[in-house]
């Protein structure tokens, strides 16, 4: 089953599947905010560091299996598989889009 994801989210997911950091960053606004596991990161430099350390280093690939709209967010859920403790872990990604880019992302397990 193929999910109908908004273009910036689909681009992020596709780049994550390739472990392509530049591709993962491309759909984010320059000042995007990412909340993950209590940490709040802002901007491409901080996001790049997170992607290098918490995604590519452990080969974490998110495979969405559901998508829904809640208020002004696109909520995408699915497992992430990789070389990390507890893999696979089911995650919820709450994307806020603005002008065809990802303005904010909150990730919870």
Protein backbone atom coordinates (compact mmCIF):
# COMPACT_ATOMS: atom_id res chain seq x y z
CA UNK A 1 0.00 0.00 0.00
CA UNK A 2 1.34 3.40 -0.98
CA UNK A 3 0.64 6.39 1.25
CA UNK A 4 -0.35 9.76 -0.14
CA UNK A 5 2.21 11.97 1.61
CA UNK A 6 2.61 15.69 0.95
CA UNK A 7 5.60 16.33 -1.31
CA UNK A 8 8.05 17.61 1.36
CA UNK A 9 7.26 14.69 3.66
CA UNK A 10 7.55 12.17 0.82
CA UNK A 11 10.93 13.69 -0.09
CA UNK A 12 12.14 13.41 3.52
CA UNK A 13 11.00 9.77 3.80
CA UNK A 14 12.60 8.84 0.46
CA UNK A 15 15.91 10.48 1.43
CA UNK A 16 15.83 8.75 4.82
CA UNK A 17 15.41 5.39 3.06
CA UNK A 18 18.66 6.19 1.19
CA UNK A 19 20.33 7.54 4.37
CA UNK A 20 20.94 10.73 2.36
CA UNK A 21 21.50 13.58 4.83
CA UNK A 22 21.41 16.37 2.23
CA UNK A 23 18.19 14.94 0.82
CA UNK A 24 16.70 14.68 4.32
CA UNK A 25 17.54 18.34 5.01
CA UNK A 26 16.27 19.68 1.67
CA UNK A 27 12.51 19.66 2.53
CA UNK A 28 13.07 21.55 5.80
CA UNK A 29 12.83 25.34 6.11
CA UNK A 30 16.17 26.94 6.98
CA UNK A 31 14.82 27.80 10.46
CA UNK A 32 12.82 24.59 10.99
CA UNK A 33 12.35 23.30 14.53
CA UNK A 34 12.64 19.60 15.35
CA UNK A 35 11.58 18.19 18.72
CA UNK A 36 12.90 14.71 19.44
CA UNK A 37 13.14 12.87 22.75
CA UNK A 38 13.10 16.08 24.80
CA UNK A 39 15.63 17.87 22.61
CA UNK A 40 14.70 20.97 20.60
CA UNK A 41 16.83 21.60 17.53
CA UNK A 42 16.59 24.48 15.10
CA UNK A 43 18.08 25.13 11.70
CA UNK A 44 19.88 22.98 9.17
CA UNK A 45 23.18 22.76 11.11
CA UNK A 46 21.52 21.29 14.20
CA UNK A 47 19.30 19.00 12.13
CA UNK A 48 22.33 17.78 10.16
CA UNK A 49 24.11 16.87 13.39
CA UNK A 50 21.06 14.92 14.61
CA UNK A 51 20.71 13.10 11.28
CA UNK A 52 24.42 12.19 11.30
CA UNK A 53 24.39 10.90 14.89
CA UNK A 54 20.90 9.44 15.36
CA UNK A 55 19.92 8.35 11.85
CA UNK A 56 22.81 7.59 9.52
CA UNK A 57 25.20 6.29 12.20
CA UNK A 58 22.65 3.65 13.27
CA UNK A 59 21.07 3.18 9.84
CA UNK A 60 17.64 4.21 11.19
CA UNK A 61 15.07 4.05 8.42
CA UNK A 62 11.51 5.21 9.09
CA UNK A 63 8.83 3.35 7.14
CA UNK A 64 5.48 5.13 7.46
CA UNK A 65 2.36 3.02 7.34
CA UNK A 66 -0.34 5.54 8.30
CA UNK A 67 -0.99 9.20 7.63
CA UNK A 68 -3.70 11.53 8.90
CA UNK A 69 -4.35 15.23 9.30
CA UNK A 70 -4.86 16.69 12.79
CA UNK A 71 -5.47 20.40 13.11
CA UNK A 72 -2.67 22.03 11.10
CA UNK A 73 -0.35 19.02 11.20
CA UNK A 74 0.26 15.94 9.09
CA UNK A 75 0.70 12.97 11.43
CA UNK A 76 2.68 10.05 10.03
CA UNK A 77 3.22 6.83 11.95
CA UNK A 78 5.29 3.73 11.37
CA UNK A 79 8.27 1.69 12.49
CA UNK A 80 11.92 2.66 12.27
CA UNK A 81 14.40 -0.17 11.73
CA UNK A 82 18.12 0.03 12.18
CA UNK A 83 21.18 -0.86 14.22
CA UNK A 84 19.87 0.55 17.51
CA UNK A 85 18.55 -0.91 20.76
CA UNK A 86 14.92 -2.00 20.54
CA UNK A 87 14.74 -1.93 16.74
CA UNK A 88 12.19 -1.75 15.32
CA UNK A 89 10.51 1.04 17.27
CA UNK A 90 7.19 2.56 16.25
CA UNK A 91 7.31 6.35 15.91
CA UNK A 92 4.85 9.17 15.40
CA UNK A 93 6.05 12.12 13.32
CA UNK A 94 3.99 15.32 13.55
CA UNK A 95 4.87 17.59 10.63
CA UNK A 96 3.92 21.24 10.32
CA UNK A 97 4.15 22.41 6.72
CA UNK A 98 4.40 25.98 5.49
CA UNK A 99 4.91 27.12 1.89
CA UNK A 100 5.75 23.59 0.70
CA UNK A 101 8.51 23.03 3.28
CA UNK A 102 8.65 21.37 6.67
CA UNK A 103 8.51 24.15 9.25
CA UNK A 104 8.39 21.90 12.33
CA UNK A 105 8.62 18.22 13.20
CA UNK A 106 7.92 16.50 16.52
CA UNK A 107 9.01 12.88 16.84
CA UNK A 108 7.69 10.61 19.59
CA UNK A 109 7.99 6.88 20.20
